[in-house]
Amino acid sequence: MKKLIIILTLTFLFSCSSDKNTNNYSHLMSSTKVLRDINEIEFMGETLKIDDYTFFRERLEREFYIITDNITQFKLWVKRTWKYFPIYEEELKKAWLPDDLKYLSVAESFLLNDAYSNAWASGLWQFMPSTARQYGLIVNEYVDERNNYLLATNSAIKYLEYLWNIFDWDFKLAISAYNKWENALKRTIERQGTSNYFELLLNSETRRFLPRILAIKIAYENKEKLWLNLEKSDYYSFPDYDIIEVDSIDNFYEFARNYNNSIYEFIELNPWLNLNKNILPPRSDGNMRKVKVKK
């Protein structure tokens, strides 16, 4: 009997391992096929012919394989898109900016609203505190509006409009400047004597930034070919909520209980509030603030 159990157990484990290896192999083959079939990318209203630029296919494919080989991470950020992409698409349309800019946020944060970098960048759009304040976001000991995805999206749009303008509507340079900082990129252009993105020798992080965004777009638009067959119910979404205007809040726990919300639900809907402080003081300009409460 013991021998039979051991044999059955080993057979099961071998079968699982075999299925996993088969799935990984199938995923790898589908990734390779997706790339092989792509010779040009429509991005930001332009057509980029990948093989027209020295070394660019290798740079692009590196980012694509890094993204798609981590199938769990890839699946999670795709499942988060329903939380944020509708907002991005609506706000970008209002600003007459290309829809493709939504992929920049994925490259920055993988759509984690609480993403925080070692360089103190925060939120879905990874604003530094100084840039956030420059574009209208409040960042202080009580509030960090970099984590308010609607306000941060509008600020990111304003910043991208500015960058696009100062780099003569070259989206490749504007996106690179978003990562590198515009003055640093200007100095690089002056030093190297060219504003052609594909001729610039950039630092590693900035050199990878645009190819990463393009790879994310390719992966997202080919998710079914990459064995990511998600149904509507698989995607994440926010619960139904009401928006309440407040001058101040004296205690987050009591405020949440008054609306039959747990403190977890309240902070998840309002991640820009500092729970450690447990109060929201009035704005210095006298304007009301808007908080969300689950219905």
Protein backbone atom coordinates (compact mmCIF):
# COMPACT_ATOMS: atom_id res chain seq x y z
CA MET A 1 0.00 0.00 0.00
CA LYS A 2 2.81 2.42 0.93
CA LYS A 3 4.53 1.69 -2.38
CA LEU A 4 1.31 2.44 -4.25
CA ILE A 5 0.89 5.77 -2.46
CA ILE A 6 4.50 6.73 -3.23
CA ILE A 7 4.09 5.79 -6.89
CA LEU A 8 0.84 7.79 -7.18
CA THR A 9 2.41 10.79 -5.44
CA LEU A 10 5.45 10.77 -7.71
CA THR A 11 3.23 10.39 -10.76
CA PHE A 12 1.16 13.40 -9.67
CA LEU A 13 4.24 15.55 -9.00
CA PHE A 14 5.79 14.59 -12.32
CA SER A 15 2.54 15.41 -14.09
CA CYS A 16 2.34 18.83 -12.42
CA SER A 17 5.97 19.54 -13.23
CA SER A 18 5.46 18.43 -16.79
CA ASP A 19 2.37 20.62 -17.19
CA LYS A 20 4.23 23.60 -15.73
CA ASN A 21 7.19 23.09 -18.03
CA THR A 22 4.85 22.71 -20.99
CA ASN A 23 3.04 25.93 -20.09
CA ASN A 24 6.30 27.80 -19.62
CA TYR A 25 7.59 26.49 -22.93
CA SER A 26 4.33 27.44 -24.67
CA HIS A 27 4.46 30.91 -23.14
CA LEU A 28 8.08 31.36 -24.23
CA MET A 29 7.27 30.28 -27.76
CA SER A 30 4.27 32.60 -27.95
CA SER A 31 6.41 35.52 -26.67
CA THR A 32 8.97 34.83 -29.37
CA LYS A 33 6.28 34.63 -32.04
CA VAL A 34 4.69 37.92 -30.97
CA LEU A 35 8.04 39.69 -31.31
CA ARG A 36 8.89 37.99 -34.58
CA ASP A 37 5.62 39.22 -36.09
CA ILE A 38 6.20 42.84 -35.09
CA ASN A 39 8.35 45.00 -37.33
CA GLU A 40 6.81 48.36 -36.54
CA ILE A 41 4.91 49.96 -33.67
CA GLU A 42 2.23 52.63 -33.84
CA PHE A 43 2.96 54.83 -30.85
CA MET A 44 1.96 58.41 -30.03
CA GLY A 45 0.74 58.96 -33.57
CA GLU A 46 4.02 57.86 -35.14
CA THR A 47 5.15 54.66 -36.79
CA LEU A 48 8.40 53.30 -35.39
CA LYS A 49 10.08 50.77 -37.67
CA ILE A 50 12.05 48.75 -35.17
CA ASP A 51 14.84 47.58 -37.43
CA ASP A 52 15.55 51.07 -38.78
CA TYR A 53 17.42 51.96 -35.60
CA THR A 54 20.72 50.40 -34.56
CA PHE A 55 20.43 48.06 -31.55
CA PHE A 56 16.81 49.09 -30.91
CA ARG A 57 15.24 45.67 -31.48
CA GLU A 58 17.57 44.17 -28.89
CA ARG A 59 16.69 46.91 -26.39
CA LEU A 60 12.98 46.43 -27.01
CA GLU A 61 13.07 42.64 -26.83
CA ARG A 62 15.05 42.73 -23.60
CA GLU A 63 12.27 44.71 -21.92
CA PHE A 64 9.55 42.58 -23.48
CA TYR A 65 11.04 39.32 -22.21
CA ILE A 66 11.63 40.75 -18.73
CA ILE A 67 7.96 41.74 -18.58
CA THR A 68 6.41 38.64 -20.06
CA ASP A 69 8.72 36.06 -18.51
CA ASN A 70 7.47 37.14 -15.08
CA ILE A 71 3.99 35.88 -15.90
CA THR A 72 2.65 36.52 -12.39
CA GLN A 73 3.71 40.18 -12.39
CA PHE A 74 2.46 40.60 -15.95
CA LYS A 75 -0.93 39.13 -15.05
CA LEU A 76 -1.30 41.32 -11.95
CA TRP A 77 -0.69 44.64 -13.70
CA VAL A 78 -3.01 43.69 -16.54
CA LYS A 79 -5.70 42.83 -13.99
CA ARG A 80 -5.19 46.27 -12.38
CA THR A 81 -5.78 48.14 -15.64
CA TRP A 82 -9.54 48.29 -15.12
CA LYS A 83 -8.98 50.34 -11.96
CA TYR A 84 -6.97 53.04 -13.68
CA PHE A 85 -6.99 52.86 -17.50
CA PRO A 86 -10.54 54.28 -17.87
CA ILE A 87 -9.47 57.35 -15.85
CA TYR A 88 -6.24 57.71 -17.83
CA GLU A 89 -8.02 57.40 -21.15
CA GLU A 90 -10.69 59.95 -20.20
CA GLU A 91 -8.23 62.54 -18.89
CA LEU A 92 -5.80 62.11 -21.79
CA LYS A 93 -8.67 62.55 -24.23
CA LYS A 94 -9.71 65.79 -22.48
CA ALA A 95 -6.14 67.07 -22.83
CA TRP A 96 -5.91 65.99 -26.50
CA LEU A 97 -2.95 63.80 -25.66
CA PRO A 98 -2.30 60.34 -27.14
CA ASP A 99 -3.88 57.41 -25.34
CA ASP A 100 -0.53 55.59 -25.40
CA LEU A 101 0.74 57.73 -22.51
CA LYS A 102 -1.19 55.48 -20.12
CA TYR A 103 1.56 52.88 -20.55
CA LEU A 104 4.07 55.29 -19.00
CA SER A 105 2.32 54.85 -15.66
CA VAL A 106 2.62 51.07 -15.97
CA ALA A 107 6.34 51.40 -16.63
CA GLU A 108 6.72 53.63 -13.57
CA SER A 109 4.66 51.71 -11.03
CA PHE A 110 3.10 48.55 -12.52
CA LEU A 111 -0.15 50.26 -11.44
CA LEU A 112 0.61 49.98 -7.74
CA ASN A 113 -0.81 53.15 -6.22
CA ASP A 114 1.49 52.89 -3.19
CA ALA A 115 4.65 52.38 -5.25
CA TYR A 116 7.57 54.18 -3.63
CA SER A 117 11.15 54.42 -4.89
CA ASN A 118 14.46 54.82 -3.10
CA ALA A 119 14.68 58.27 -4.66
CA TRP A 120 11.41 59.29 -2.88
CA ALA A 121 9.24 59.11 -5.97
CA SER A 122 5.72 57.96 -5.18
CA GLY A 123 2.39 56.99 -6.70
CA LEU A 124 1.22 55.61 -10.00
CA TRP A 125 3.13 58.29 -11.91
CA GLN A 126 6.17 58.27 -9.59
CA PHE A 127 6.37 61.97 -8.89
CA MET A 128 9.25 63.39 -6.90
CA PRO A 129 8.01 65.69 -4.11
CA SER A 130 9.35 68.88 -5.74
CA THR A 131 7.86 68.10 -9.16
CA ALA A 132 4.57 67.10 -7.55
CA ARG A 133 4.31 70.43 -5.76
CA GLN A 134 5.31 72.29 -8.92
CA TYR A 135 2.34 70.72 -10.73
CA GLY A 136 -0.24 71.39 -8.06
CA LEU A 137 -0.08 68.38 -5.75
CA ILE A 138 0.02 68.80 -1.98
CA VAL A 139 2.76 66.81 -0.27
CA ASN A 140 3.13 67.34 3.46
CA GLU A 141 2.99 65.43 6.75
CA TYR A 142 -0.79 64.97 6.50
CA VAL A 143 -1.42 64.55 2.79
CA ASP A 144 0.46 63.08 -0.18
CA GLU A 145 -1.59 63.73 -3.27
CA ARG A 146 0.90 61.82 -5.41
CA ASN A 147 -1.16 58.84 -4.21
CA ASN A 148 -4.46 60.41 -5.27
CA TYR A 149 -4.62 58.78 -8.69
CA LEU A 150 -7.00 61.30 -10.29
CA LEU A 151 -5.12 64.40 -9.11
CA ALA A 152 -1.76 62.77 -9.90
CA THR A 153 -2.95 61.84 -13.40
CA ASN A 154 -3.95 65.43 -14.12
CA SER A 155 -0.57 66.66 -12.83
CA ALA A 156 1.28 64.07 -14.93
CA ILE A 157 -0.62 65.25 -18.00
CA LYS A 158 0.38 68.87 -17.32
CA TYR A 159 3.99 67.84 -16.86
CA LEU A 160 4.01 65.75 -20.04
CA GLU A 161 2.44 68.63 -22.00
CA TYR A 162 5.24 70.87 -20.78
CA LEU A 163 7.93 68.35 -21.69
CA TRP A 164 6.43 67.68 -25.10
CA ASN A 165 6.43 71.42 -25.78
CA ILE A 166 10.03 72.15 -24.73
CA PHE A 167 11.34 69.20 -26.75
CA ASP A 168 9.60 70.37 -29.94
CA TRP A 169 6.86 67.75 -29.83
CA ASP A 170 9.31 64.85 -29.93
CA PHE A 171 7.56 62.30 -27.71
CA LYS A 172 10.70 60.16 -27.45
CA LEU A 173 12.62 63.00 -25.84
CA ALA A 174 9.65 64.12 -23.73
CA ILE A 175 9.22 60.63 -22.28
CA SER A 176 12.95 60.34 -21.67
CA ALA A 177 12.90 63.69 -19.88
CA TYR A 178 10.08 62.46 -17.65
CA ASN A 179 12.47 59.78 -16.46
CA LYS A 180 15.74 61.72 -16.51
CA TRP A 181 14.62 65.33 -15.72
CA GLU A 182 14.45 67.86 -18.53
CA ASN A 183 17.53 69.91 -17.67
CA ALA A 184 19.70 66.81 -17.45
CA LEU A 185 18.45 65.66 -20.86
CA LYS A 186 19.07 69.11 -22.36
CA ARG A 187 22.67 68.96 -21.15
CA THR A 188 23.08 65.50 -22.66
CA ILE A 189 21.76 66.75 -26.02
CA GLU A 190 24.08 69.76 -25.98
CA ARG A 191 27.11 67.68 -25.01
CA GLN A 192 26.52 65.02 -27.66
CA GLY A 193 25.47 67.44 -30.39
CA THR A 194 22.29 65.63 -31.44
CA SER A 195 18.62 65.63 -30.49
CA ASN A 196 17.95 62.39 -32.34
CA TYR A 197 16.77 60.00 -29.63
CA PHE A 198 18.21 56.96 -31.39
CA GLU A 199 21.68 58.54 -31.53
CA LEU A 200 21.82 59.63 -27.90
CA LEU A 201 23.90 57.74 -25.37
CA LEU A 202 21.72 57.93 -22.27
CA ASN A 203 22.19 56.55 -18.79
CA SER A 204 21.00 52.97 -18.39
CA GLU A 205 17.68 53.70 -16.68
CA THR A 206 16.63 56.35 -19.19
CA ARG A 207 17.89 54.32 -22.16
CA ARG A 208 15.58 51.48 -21.08
CA PHE A 209 12.56 53.66 -20.30
CA LEU A 210 11.04 54.16 -23.77
CA PRO A 211 11.70 50.55 -24.90
CA ARG A 212 10.04 49.40 -21.66
CA ILE A 213 6.93 51.47 -22.38
CA LEU A 214 6.77 50.15 -25.93
CA ALA A 215 7.23 46.59 -24.67
CA ILE A 216 4.37 47.10 -22.20
CA LYS A 217 2.11 48.32 -25.00
CA ILE A 218 3.01 45.30 -27.16
CA ALA A 219 2.46 42.88 -24.28
CA TYR A 220 -0.87 44.45 -23.33
CA GLU A 221 -2.19 44.46 -26.87
CA ASN A 222 -1.12 40.83 -27.34
CA LYS A 223 -2.14 39.46 -23.93
CA GLU A 224 -4.38 36.76 -25.43
CA LYS A 225 -1.54 35.54 -27.66
CA LEU A 226 0.60 35.38 -24.51
CA TRP A 227 -1.83 32.94 -22.86
CA LEU A 228 -3.36 35.59 -20.63
CA ASN A 229 -6.98 34.74 -21.28
CA LEU A 230 -8.72 36.84 -18.65
CA GLU A 231 -12.45 37.12 -18.24
CA LYS A 232 -14.28 40.27 -17.13
CA SER A 233 -14.62 38.96 -13.59
CA ASP A 234 -10.83 38.45 -13.35
CA TYR A 235 -10.04 42.16 -13.46
CA TYR A 236 -9.72 44.22 -10.30
CA SER A 237 -11.99 47.19 -9.68
CA PHE A 238 -12.91 49.63 -6.96
CA PRO A 239 -16.10 49.09 -4.97
CA ASP A 240 -18.95 51.53 -5.50
CA TYR A 241 -18.24 54.66 -3.51
CA ASP A 242 -19.57 58.10 -2.71
CA ILE A 243 -17.47 61.27 -2.77
CA ILE A 244 -17.81 63.38 0.35
CA GLU A 245 -16.63 67.00 0.58
CA VAL A 246 -14.97 67.78 3.90
CA ASP A 247 -13.26 70.77 5.43
CA SER A 248 -11.33 68.58 7.89
CA ILE A 249 -11.44 65.21 9.63
CA ASP A 250 -10.67 64.91 13.34
CA ASN A 251 -10.33 61.11 13.45
CA PHE A 252 -10.16 58.76 10.47
CA TYR A 253 -11.42 55.75 12.44
CA GLU A 254 -14.55 57.54 13.65
CA PHE A 255 -15.14 59.10 10.23
CA ALA A 256 -14.96 55.70 8.54
CA ARG A 257 -17.30 54.11 11.12
CA ASN A 258 -19.85 56.87 10.54
CA TYR A 259 -20.12 55.66 6.94
CA ASN A 260 -20.03 51.96 7.85
CA ASN A 261 -16.55 51.62 6.37
CA SER A 262 -13.66 49.78 7.94
CA ILE A 263 -10.48 51.80 8.32
CA TYR A 264 -8.89 49.45 5.77
CA GLU A 265 -11.57 50.25 3.19
CA PHE A 266 -11.33 53.98 3.90
CA ILE A 267 -7.55 54.17 3.51
CA GLU A 268 -7.55 51.91 0.44
CA LEU A 269 -9.97 54.36 -1.19
CA ASN A 270 -7.97 57.35 0.08
CA PRO A 271 -4.30 56.29 0.09
CA TRP A 272 -3.18 59.92 -0.04
CA LEU A 273 -4.13 60.37 3.63
CA ASN A 274 -1.54 59.76 6.34
CA LEU A 275 -3.14 57.28 8.72
CA ASN A 276 -0.34 57.76 11.26
CA LYS A 277 -1.46 61.36 11.78
CA ASN A 278 -5.13 60.29 11.92
CA ILE A 279 -6.36 63.80 11.15
CA LEU A 280 -6.97 65.88 8.05
CA PRO A 281 -6.54 69.59 8.82
CA PRO A 282 -8.27 72.31 6.77
CA ARG A 283 -6.57 73.48 3.59
CA SER A 284 -4.66 76.71 3.85
CA ASP A 285 -6.60 78.12 0.88
CA GLY A 286 -9.96 77.34 2.47
CA ASN A 287 -11.04 74.91 -0.26
CA MET A 288 -12.85 71.70 0.57
CA ARG A 289 -11.28 68.29 0.11
CA LYS A 290 -12.96 65.25 -1.42
CA VAL A 291 -12.75 61.82 0.20
CA LYS A 292 -14.25 58.54 -0.91
CA VAL A 293 -16.38 56.24 1.22
CA LYS A 294 -17.61 52.83 0.21
CA LYS A 295 -21.38 52.70 -0.39
